[in-house]
Amino acid sequence: MSRAKGNIAEDKACKFLDENGFMIVERNFYSRFGEIDIIASKDEVLHFIEVKSGLDYESAIQNITPSKLRKFIKTIHVYMKKNTLDVDFSVDAIVVTPNDIEFVQNITF
């Protein structure tokens, strides 16, 4: 996926989160392990969100591999340490398709 398409999907995801009571804390946080697309907060829980887009839900969500998830979690730990945070958090995904946005909370493998 091109960076431009990724930005469009992330913008849609941010709008979805805003409309559902989340506060966007940061976008595109990078560490040597990878990137966190969106960091948002709601009800005193920090949500670390990977945004995936595709023509359908299945093709998009399959791009979150166990390896990708491990790197994502390492990046979360870098963010938490860098910002001296000890808060509840959730590892989430938002899947953006042409006709829908799906919010998947607490993803694990």
N, C-alpha and C. Protein backbone atom coordinates (compact mmCIF):
# COMPACT_ATOMS: atom_id res chain seq x y z
N MET A 1 0.85 -1.18 0.00
CA MET A 1 0.00 0.00 0.00
C MET A 1 0.89 1.24 0.00
N SER A 2 0.51 2.21 -0.76
CA SER A 2 1.28 3.44 -0.81
C SER A 2 1.08 4.26 0.45
N ARG A 3 2.02 5.13 0.74
CA ARG A 3 1.93 6.00 1.91
C ARG A 3 0.69 6.88 1.82
N ALA A 4 0.36 7.34 0.60
CA ALA A 4 -0.82 8.20 0.43
C ALA A 4 -2.10 7.45 0.80
N LYS A 5 -2.23 6.20 0.35
CA LYS A 5 -3.41 5.40 0.70
C LYS A 5 -3.44 5.14 2.21
N GLY A 6 -2.26 4.89 2.78
CA GLY A 6 -2.18 4.68 4.22
C GLY A 6 -2.63 5.90 4.99
N ASN A 7 -2.23 7.08 4.52
CA ASN A 7 -2.64 8.33 5.19
C ASN A 7 -4.15 8.53 5.11
N ILE A 8 -4.75 8.20 3.98
CA ILE A 8 -6.20 8.32 3.82
C ILE A 8 -6.91 7.40 4.81
N ALA A 9 -6.43 6.14 4.91
CA ALA A 9 -7.03 5.19 5.85
C ALA A 9 -6.86 5.67 7.29
N GLU A 10 -5.69 6.20 7.62
CA GLU A 10 -5.45 6.70 8.98
C GLU A 10 -6.33 7.91 9.28
N ASP A 11 -6.52 8.79 8.31
CA ASP A 11 -7.42 9.93 8.51
C ASP A 11 -8.85 9.47 8.77
N LYS A 12 -9.31 8.47 8.02
CA LYS A 12 -10.65 7.92 8.24
C LYS A 12 -10.75 7.28 9.62
N ALA A 13 -9.69 6.57 10.02
CA ALA A 13 -9.68 5.94 11.34
C ALA A 13 -9.73 6.98 12.45
N CYS A 14 -8.98 8.07 12.30
CA CYS A 14 -9.00 9.14 13.30
C CYS A 14 -10.38 9.78 13.41
N LYS A 15 -11.01 9.99 12.28
CA LYS A 15 -12.36 10.55 12.29
C LYS A 15 -13.32 9.61 13.01
N PHE A 16 -13.22 8.31 12.72
CA PHE A 16 -14.04 7.29 13.38
C PHE A 16 -13.82 7.34 14.90
N LEU A 17 -12.56 7.39 15.32
CA LEU A 17 -12.25 7.42 16.75
C LEU A 17 -12.81 8.68 17.40
N ASP A 18 -12.62 9.82 16.76
CA ASP A 18 -13.12 11.08 17.28
C ASP A 18 -14.64 11.03 17.45
N GLU A 19 -15.33 10.48 16.47
CA GLU A 19 -16.79 10.39 16.53
C GLU A 19 -17.27 9.41 17.60
N ASN A 20 -16.37 8.55 18.07
CA ASN A 20 -16.72 7.57 19.10
C ASN A 20 -16.10 7.87 20.46
N GLY A 21 -15.75 9.14 20.68
CA GLY A 21 -15.34 9.60 21.99
C GLY A 21 -13.88 9.39 22.36
N PHE A 22 -13.04 9.07 21.40
CA PHE A 22 -11.61 8.93 21.67
C PHE A 22 -10.91 10.27 21.47
N MET A 23 -9.81 10.46 22.21
CA MET A 23 -8.96 11.62 22.00
C MET A 23 -7.68 11.12 21.35
N ILE A 24 -7.32 11.69 20.21
CA ILE A 24 -6.09 11.31 19.53
C ILE A 24 -4.92 11.92 20.30
N VAL A 25 -4.00 11.08 20.76
CA VAL A 25 -2.84 11.53 21.51
C VAL A 25 -1.66 11.77 20.59
N GLU A 26 -1.45 10.85 19.64
CA GLU A 26 -0.31 10.96 18.74
C GLU A 26 -0.56 10.09 17.52
N ARG A 27 0.06 10.48 16.41
CA ARG A 27 0.01 9.68 15.18
C ARG A 27 1.42 9.39 14.72
N ASN A 28 1.59 8.22 14.15
CA ASN A 28 2.84 7.83 13.51
C ASN A 28 4.05 7.94 14.45
N PHE A 29 3.98 7.25 15.57
CA PHE A 29 5.11 7.17 16.49
C PHE A 29 6.05 6.08 15.98
N TYR A 30 7.32 6.44 15.83
CA TYR A 30 8.31 5.50 15.31
C TYR A 30 9.32 5.12 16.38
N SER A 31 9.73 3.85 16.34
CA SER A 31 10.89 3.38 17.10
C SER A 31 11.72 2.53 16.14
N ARG A 32 12.84 2.01 16.62
CA ARG A 32 13.66 1.17 15.75
C ARG A 32 12.96 -0.15 15.43
N PHE A 33 11.90 -0.48 16.18
CA PHE A 33 11.17 -1.72 15.95
C PHE A 33 10.03 -1.58 14.94
N GLY A 34 9.50 -0.37 14.81
CA GLY A 34 8.38 -0.17 13.91
C GLY A 34 7.62 1.10 14.21
N GLU A 35 6.37 1.11 13.81
CA GLU A 35 5.52 2.30 13.91
C GLU A 35 4.20 1.98 14.57
N ILE A 36 3.70 2.93 15.34
CA ILE A 36 2.32 2.88 15.85
C ILE A 36 1.56 3.93 15.06
N ASP A 37 0.52 3.49 14.35
CA ASP A 37 -0.22 4.42 13.49
C ASP A 37 -0.94 5.49 14.30
N ILE A 38 -1.70 5.05 15.32
CA ILE A 38 -2.49 5.99 16.12
C ILE A 38 -2.40 5.59 17.58
N ILE A 39 -2.21 6.59 18.43
CA ILE A 39 -2.32 6.40 19.87
C ILE A 39 -3.47 7.28 20.31
N ALA A 40 -4.48 6.67 20.94
CA ALA A 40 -5.68 7.39 21.34
C ALA A 40 -6.03 7.04 22.79
N SER A 41 -6.83 7.88 23.39
CA SER A 41 -7.21 7.67 24.78
C SER A 41 -8.72 7.74 24.92
N LYS A 42 -9.25 6.85 25.78
CA LYS A 42 -10.68 6.89 26.10
C LYS A 42 -10.86 6.19 27.44
N ASP A 43 -11.60 6.81 28.33
CA ASP A 43 -11.90 6.23 29.64
C ASP A 43 -10.64 5.77 30.37
N GLU A 44 -9.61 6.62 30.35
CA GLU A 44 -8.35 6.37 31.06
C GLU A 44 -7.60 5.13 30.57
N VAL A 45 -7.88 4.70 29.35
CA VAL A 45 -7.16 3.59 28.71
C VAL A 45 -6.49 4.15 27.46
N LEU A 46 -5.21 3.82 27.30
CA LEU A 46 -4.47 4.22 26.11
C LEU A 46 -4.61 3.12 25.07
N HIS A 47 -5.02 3.50 23.86
CA HIS A 47 -5.22 2.54 22.77
C HIS A 47 -4.14 2.74 21.73
N PHE A 48 -3.37 1.68 21.51
CA PHE A 48 -2.34 1.67 20.48
C PHE A 48 -2.95 0.97 19.27
N ILE A 49 -3.08 1.69 18.17
CA ILE A 49 -3.92 1.22 17.06
C ILE A 49 -3.12 1.08 15.78
N GLU A 50 -3.22 -0.10 15.19
CA GLU A 50 -2.67 -0.39 13.87
C GLU A 50 -3.81 -0.22 12.87
N VAL A 51 -3.59 0.56 11.83
CA VAL A 51 -4.61 0.78 10.81
C VAL A 51 -4.25 -0.04 9.58
N LYS A 52 -5.21 -0.82 9.12
CA LYS A 52 -5.04 -1.62 7.91
C LYS A 52 -6.21 -1.33 6.98
N SER A 53 -5.92 -1.27 5.69
CA SER A 53 -6.99 -1.05 4.72
C SER A 53 -6.88 -2.07 3.61
N GLY A 54 -8.01 -2.30 2.98
CA GLY A 54 -8.05 -3.25 1.88
C GLY A 54 -9.43 -3.24 1.25
N LEU A 55 -9.57 -4.08 0.23
CA LEU A 55 -10.86 -4.18 -0.44
C LEU A 55 -11.90 -4.87 0.43
N ASP A 56 -11.43 -5.75 1.33
CA ASP A 56 -12.35 -6.42 2.25
C ASP A 56 -11.64 -6.64 3.59
N TYR A 57 -12.43 -6.96 4.60
CA TYR A 57 -11.92 -7.11 5.97
C TYR A 57 -10.83 -8.19 6.04
N GLU A 58 -11.10 -9.34 5.45
CA GLU A 58 -10.18 -10.47 5.56
C GLU A 58 -8.80 -10.16 4.99
N SER A 59 -8.76 -9.59 3.81
CA SER A 59 -7.46 -9.30 3.20
C SER A 59 -6.69 -8.25 4.00
N ALA A 60 -7.39 -7.32 4.62
CA ALA A 60 -6.72 -6.28 5.40
C ALA A 60 -6.21 -6.82 6.73
N ILE A 61 -7.05 -7.54 7.46
CA ILE A 61 -6.67 -8.01 8.80
C ILE A 61 -5.56 -9.05 8.74
N GLN A 62 -5.47 -9.78 7.65
CA GLN A 62 -4.42 -10.80 7.51
C GLN A 62 -3.03 -10.18 7.42
N ASN A 63 -2.95 -8.89 7.18
CA ASN A 63 -1.66 -8.21 7.14
C ASN A 63 -1.08 -7.96 8.53
N ILE A 64 -1.85 -8.26 9.58
CA ILE A 64 -1.31 -8.16 10.94
C ILE A 64 -0.82 -9.57 11.29
N THR A 65 0.44 -9.78 11.06
CA THR A 65 1.06 -11.09 11.29
C THR A 65 1.60 -11.17 12.72
N PRO A 66 1.90 -12.38 13.19
CA PRO A 66 2.52 -12.49 14.53
C PRO A 66 3.82 -11.69 14.64
N SER A 67 4.63 -11.68 13.59
CA SER A 67 5.87 -10.91 13.59
C SER A 67 5.58 -9.42 13.70
N LYS A 68 4.63 -8.94 12.93
CA LYS A 68 4.23 -7.53 12.96
C LYS A 68 3.72 -7.16 14.35
N LEU A 69 2.93 -8.04 14.95
CA LEU A 69 2.37 -7.77 16.27
C LEU A 69 3.48 -7.71 17.32
N ARG A 70 4.48 -8.58 17.24
CA ARG A 70 5.61 -8.54 18.18
C ARG A 70 6.35 -7.21 18.08
N LYS A 71 6.61 -6.76 16.85
CA LYS A 71 7.29 -5.48 16.66
C LYS A 71 6.43 -4.32 17.18
N PHE A 72 5.13 -4.41 16.96
CA PHE A 72 4.20 -3.39 17.41
C PHE A 72 4.24 -3.29 18.94
N ILE A 73 4.23 -4.43 19.61
CA ILE A 73 4.26 -4.44 21.08
C ILE A 73 5.60 -3.90 21.60
N LYS A 74 6.70 -4.23 20.94
CA LYS A 74 7.99 -3.66 21.33
C LYS A 74 7.96 -2.14 21.20
N THR A 75 7.35 -1.65 20.15
CA THR A 75 7.24 -0.20 19.95
C THR A 75 6.37 0.43 21.03
N ILE A 76 5.32 -0.25 21.44
CA ILE A 76 4.48 0.24 22.55
C ILE A 76 5.33 0.39 23.81
N HIS A 77 6.16 -0.60 24.11
CA HIS A 77 7.00 -0.52 25.30
C HIS A 77 7.99 0.65 25.21
N VAL A 78 8.52 0.90 24.02
CA VAL A 78 9.40 2.06 23.84
C VAL A 78 8.63 3.35 24.14
N TYR A 79 7.41 3.46 23.60
CA TYR A 79 6.60 4.66 23.82
C TYR A 79 6.30 4.86 25.31
N MET A 80 5.91 3.77 25.97
CA MET A 80 5.57 3.85 27.40
C MET A 80 6.79 4.27 28.23
N LYS A 81 7.95 3.71 27.91
CA LYS A 81 9.16 4.06 28.65
C LYS A 81 9.59 5.50 28.37
N LYS A 82 9.56 5.87 27.10
CA LYS A 82 9.96 7.23 26.71
C LYS A 82 9.10 8.28 27.40
N ASN A 83 7.81 7.98 27.57
CA ASN A 83 6.88 8.94 28.17
C ASN A 83 6.61 8.66 29.65
N THR A 84 7.38 7.76 30.24
CA THR A 84 7.26 7.40 31.66
C THR A 84 5.80 7.13 32.04
N LEU A 85 5.18 6.22 31.31
CA LEU A 85 3.77 5.90 31.52
C LEU A 85 3.61 4.55 32.20
N ASP A 86 2.68 4.50 33.11
CA ASP A 86 2.27 3.23 33.74
C ASP A 86 0.75 3.28 33.80
N VAL A 87 0.14 3.01 32.66
CA VAL A 87 -1.32 3.12 32.53
C VAL A 87 -1.88 1.86 31.88
N ASP A 88 -3.19 1.68 31.99
CA ASP A 88 -3.84 0.60 31.28
C ASP A 88 -3.79 0.90 29.79
N PHE A 89 -3.56 -0.15 28.98
CA PHE A 89 -3.54 0.06 27.55
C PHE A 89 -4.12 -1.13 26.82
N SER A 90 -4.46 -0.89 25.57
CA SER A 90 -5.05 -1.91 24.71
C SER A 90 -4.36 -1.88 23.35
N VAL A 91 -4.13 -3.06 22.80
CA VAL A 91 -3.56 -3.19 21.46
C VAL A 91 -4.73 -3.46 20.52
N ASP A 92 -4.98 -2.52 19.61
CA ASP A 92 -6.17 -2.57 18.77
C ASP A 92 -5.81 -2.44 17.29
N ALA A 93 -6.80 -2.69 16.46
CA ALA A 93 -6.66 -2.47 15.02
C ALA A 93 -7.93 -1.81 14.50
N ILE A 94 -7.75 -1.02 13.48
CA ILE A 94 -8.90 -0.48 12.74
C ILE A 94 -8.71 -0.91 11.30
N VAL A 95 -9.74 -1.57 10.78
CA VAL A 95 -9.72 -2.05 9.40
C VAL A 95 -10.64 -1.14 8.58
N VAL A 96 -10.05 -0.52 7.56
CA VAL A 96 -10.79 0.40 6.71
C VAL A 96 -10.97 -0.27 5.35
N THR A 97 -12.23 -0.45 4.97
CA THR A 97 -12.57 -0.98 3.65
C THR A 97 -13.38 0.08 2.91
N PRO A 98 -13.61 -0.09 1.62
CA PRO A 98 -14.36 0.95 0.88
C PRO A 98 -15.72 1.29 1.49
N ASN A 99 -16.37 0.31 2.15
CA ASN A 99 -17.73 0.55 2.64
C ASN A 99 -17.88 0.51 4.15
N ASP A 100 -16.77 0.30 4.89
CA ASP A 100 -16.93 0.09 6.32
C ASP A 100 -15.64 0.40 7.07
N ILE A 101 -15.79 0.62 8.37
CA ILE A 101 -14.66 0.74 9.29
C ILE A 101 -14.97 -0.19 10.45
N GLU A 102 -14.04 -1.08 10.73
CA GLU A 102 -14.20 -2.06 11.81
C GLU A 102 -13.14 -1.82 12.87
N PHE A 103 -13.56 -1.68 14.13
CA PHE A 103 -12.65 -1.47 15.25
C PHE A 103 -12.49 -2.78 15.99
N VAL A 104 -11.28 -3.31 16.02
CA VAL A 104 -11.00 -4.59 16.66
C VAL A 104 -10.14 -4.31 17.89
N GLN A 105 -10.71 -4.53 19.07
CA GLN A 105 -10.01 -4.23 20.31
C GLN A 105 -9.30 -5.46 20.87
N ASN A 106 -8.20 -5.21 21.58
CA ASN A 106 -7.45 -6.24 22.28
C ASN A 106 -7.02 -7.39 21.37
N ILE A 107 -6.32 -7.08 20.30
CA ILE A 107 -5.88 -8.12 19.39
C ILE A 107 -4.70 -8.89 19.99
N THR A 108 -4.71 -10.18 19.80
CA THR A 108 -3.64 -11.06 20.28
C THR A 108 -3.50 -12.22 19.29
N PHE A 109 -2.38 -12.93 19.43
CA PHE A 109 -2.19 -14.15 18.66
C PHE A 109 -1.90 -15.27 19.61
